[in-house]
Structure formats: C-alpha cells, structure tokens
Protein backbone atom coordinates (compact mmCIF):
# COMPACT_ATOMS: atom_id res chain seq x y z
CA MET A 1 -14.32 -15.42 -35.74
CA LYS A 2 -17.58 -13.95 -34.95
CA TYR A 3 -19.57 -16.90 -36.33
CA TYR A 4 -17.43 -19.30 -33.92
CA GLU A 5 -18.32 -16.62 -31.14
CA ALA A 6 -22.11 -16.91 -32.15
CA PHE A 7 -21.99 -20.63 -32.25
CA LYS A 8 -20.20 -20.81 -28.88
CA LEU A 9 -23.14 -18.61 -27.41
CA LEU A 10 -25.82 -20.89 -29.01
CA ASP A 11 -24.27 -23.91 -27.81
CA THR A 12 -25.53 -23.88 -24.23
CA GLU A 13 -24.76 -27.45 -23.50
CA GLU A 14 -21.20 -26.66 -24.51
CA ASN A 15 -20.93 -30.06 -26.45
CA GLY A 16 -19.92 -28.95 -29.94
CA THR A 17 -23.43 -28.87 -31.53
CA ILE A 18 -26.63 -26.88 -31.51
CA THR A 19 -30.06 -28.58 -30.78
CA THR A 20 -33.39 -27.50 -32.00
CA LYS A 21 -34.14 -26.04 -28.65
CA GLU A 22 -30.80 -23.86 -28.95
CA LEU A 23 -31.52 -22.74 -32.41
CA GLY A 24 -35.06 -21.87 -31.45
CA THR A 25 -34.23 -19.67 -28.56
CA ALA A 26 -31.77 -17.80 -30.75
CA MET A 27 -34.25 -17.40 -33.40
CA ARG A 28 -36.99 -16.15 -30.90
CA THR A 29 -34.17 -13.89 -29.72
CA LEU A 30 -33.93 -12.39 -33.05
CA GLY A 31 -37.33 -11.46 -33.64
CA GLN A 32 -38.28 -14.87 -35.46
CA ASN A 33 -40.90 -17.41 -34.36
CA PRO A 34 -40.30 -20.50 -36.04
CA THR A 35 -42.59 -23.74 -35.37
CA GLU A 36 -40.79 -26.78 -34.11
CA ALA A 37 -41.45 -28.49 -37.51
CA GLU A 38 -39.56 -25.66 -39.00
CA LEU A 39 -36.77 -25.85 -36.69
CA ARG A 40 -36.59 -29.59 -37.29
CA ASP A 41 -36.44 -29.28 -41.10
CA MET A 42 -33.49 -26.66 -40.94
CA ILE A 43 -31.54 -28.97 -38.64
CA ARG A 44 -32.39 -31.94 -40.70
CA ASP A 45 -31.26 -30.24 -44.07
CA LEU A 46 -27.99 -29.25 -42.60
CA ASN A 47 -27.25 -32.34 -40.34
CA LYS A 48 -24.93 -34.85 -41.96
CA ASP A 49 -25.06 -37.59 -39.28
CA GLY A 50 -28.87 -37.60 -38.52
CA ASP A 51 -28.29 -36.83 -34.76
CA GLY A 52 -30.60 -33.80 -34.80
CA THR A 53 -28.01 -31.33 -34.04
CA ILE A 54 -25.84 -28.92 -35.96
CA ASP A 55 -22.13 -28.61 -35.64
CA PHE A 56 -19.78 -25.89 -36.43
CA PRO A 57 -19.36 -26.70 -40.09
CA ALA A 58 -22.90 -27.01 -40.79
CA PHE A 59 -23.73 -23.73 -38.73
CA LEU A 60 -21.22 -21.97 -41.01
CA SER A 61 -23.24 -23.24 -43.98
CA MET A 62 -26.35 -22.16 -42.55
CA MET A 63 -24.83 -18.69 -42.13
CA ASP A 64 -23.95 -18.39 -45.55
CA ILE A 65 -27.59 -19.76 -46.94
CA LEU A 66 -28.97 -16.79 -44.60
CA ARG A 67 -26.57 -14.24 -45.73
CA ASN A 68 -26.96 -14.90 -49.46
CA THR A 69 -30.90 -15.01 -48.77
CA THR A 70 -31.04 -11.67 -47.31
CA THR A 71 -28.86 -10.16 -49.69
CA PHE A 72 -31.00 -11.42 -52.53
CA MET A 73 -34.25 -10.36 -50.92
CA GLU A 74 -32.90 -6.68 -50.21
CA GLU A 75 -31.71 -6.39 -53.89
CA GLY A 76 -35.17 -7.44 -54.92
CA ILE A 77 -36.84 -5.10 -52.68
CA LYS A 78 -34.74 -2.26 -53.88
CA GLU A 79 -35.44 -3.13 -57.43
CA ALA A 80 -38.98 -3.32 -56.72
CA PHE A 81 -39.03 -0.06 -55.05
CA LYS A 82 -37.16 1.72 -58.04
CA VAL A 83 -39.68 0.39 -60.58
CA LEU A 84 -42.49 1.48 -58.59
CA ASP A 85 -41.12 4.73 -58.01
CA LYS A 86 -42.09 6.07 -61.46
CA ASP A 87 -40.49 9.62 -60.94
CA GLY A 88 -37.41 8.55 -59.28
CA ASP A 89 -37.79 10.89 -56.24
CA GLY A 90 -37.49 8.12 -53.44
CA PHE A 91 -41.11 8.24 -52.50
CA LEU A 92 -44.20 6.38 -53.57
CA ASN A 93 -47.05 8.63 -54.02
CA THR A 94 -50.75 8.33 -54.29
CA THR A 95 -50.26 8.42 -58.01
CA GLU A 96 -47.62 5.80 -58.36
CA LEU A 97 -49.40 3.46 -55.93
CA ARG A 98 -52.61 3.90 -57.79
CA SER A 99 -50.88 3.23 -60.90
CA VAL A 100 -49.25 0.15 -59.51
CA MET A 101 -52.81 -1.05 -58.44
CA ILE A 102 -54.09 -0.70 -61.92
CA ASP A 103 -51.10 -2.70 -63.35
CA ILE A 104 -51.65 -5.76 -61.41
CA GLY A 105 -55.47 -5.33 -61.83
CA GLU A 106 -56.65 -4.15 -58.43
CA LYS A 107 -59.23 -1.34 -59.25
CA LEU A 108 -59.21 0.78 -55.83
CA THR A 109 -60.84 4.15 -55.13
CA ASP A 110 -58.87 7.26 -54.20
CA VAL A 111 -60.15 6.62 -50.47
CA GLU A 112 -58.63 3.07 -50.69
CA VAL A 113 -55.27 4.26 -52.06
CA ASP A 114 -54.93 7.19 -49.79
CA GLN A 115 -55.90 4.55 -46.73
CA MET A 116 -52.98 2.25 -48.06
CA ILE A 117 -50.69 5.15 -48.05
CA GLN A 118 -51.84 6.35 -44.67
CA GLU A 119 -51.21 2.78 -43.13
CA ALA A 120 -47.67 2.54 -44.37
CA ASP A 121 -46.82 6.12 -43.94
CA ALA A 122 -44.93 5.78 -40.53
CA ASP A 123 -43.74 9.35 -40.75
CA LYS A 124 -46.86 11.01 -42.04
CA ASP A 125 -45.41 12.87 -44.82
CA GLY A 126 -48.23 11.57 -47.16
CA GLN A 127 -46.12 9.46 -49.12
CA ILE A 128 -44.18 6.04 -48.88
CA ASN A 129 -40.18 5.99 -48.47
CA TYR A 130 -38.16 2.81 -48.87
CA GLU A 131 -38.03 2.09 -45.20
CA GLU A 132 -41.60 2.33 -44.79
CA PHE A 133 -41.86 0.08 -47.79
CA VAL A 134 -39.55 -2.63 -46.37
CA ALA A 135 -41.69 -2.27 -43.33
CA VAL A 136 -44.75 -3.04 -44.99
CA LEU A 137 -43.08 -6.09 -47.08
CA MET A 138 -41.52 -7.39 -43.91
CA GLY A 139 -44.84 -7.20 -41.89
CA LYS A 140 -43.59 -4.78 -39.47
C-alpha cells in the first residue's frame, strides 16, 4: 500500500499517471539529479502506450527494478569491502589500501595512500570503516 500512497503523492495532476516533470521532481527531492533525457528514457522504458507517462502498474515495475538494483549494489559493496579488509577487522587501513592499489596496478607513495585515507576518513580515526567506504563509492 505504501507504493500506492507514494504514487498518489507523485501524481500531482491526479490523473492516474506520472509525467516526466513529476518523476523529476520526486527524484530531485530524493537527492538525485537526472537530466530530462534520462527521465524521458526511464518513462519510455516503462510506458506501454507511448503517451510519455507512467501508470501505477508501470510505477510498481520501476520500484521493483530500483529495489533489486539497490539490493544488488549493496551486496556487491559489502563483498568488495570484505575482500579489501584483509584482516577482517571491519576497517581498511593504510596497509590494506596500499595492497589494493598495488593489486590494481597503481603505484602510490605512502603519502598518497595516507592522503586517500584522510579524504575518506570522516571520523578521523586513521582508517576507513564500511560507512566511509560506501560514502566514497557513492560520491558523498
């Protein structure tokens, strides 16, 4: 039922469909910044009758896709963190980060590795926890 309530909130014209403009407003409210072309593409992919709008069944399909994509991304990020966290302590330290950089062919100095840690280390404890790792990957 929460999806229907969300749909009704987005359907500002109260005509049973969501337009590109309404979808864009909703996404910007959620911190996303899609271009008009991206919005048109999203609606075109879900729109069955070609009128440039999304009805409730198409909205449900979009929500399923987003939920599955988010779950997939979260699982991938968790797995990546586990692989990088060689000692399994829940943190990435300079040694682990340096090892990763070498593995991917990046030859960084100790100063550069320390700088990477400092930039990602929001709580300033000298290492990167999972939340900080996610923030870096998501560009936050």
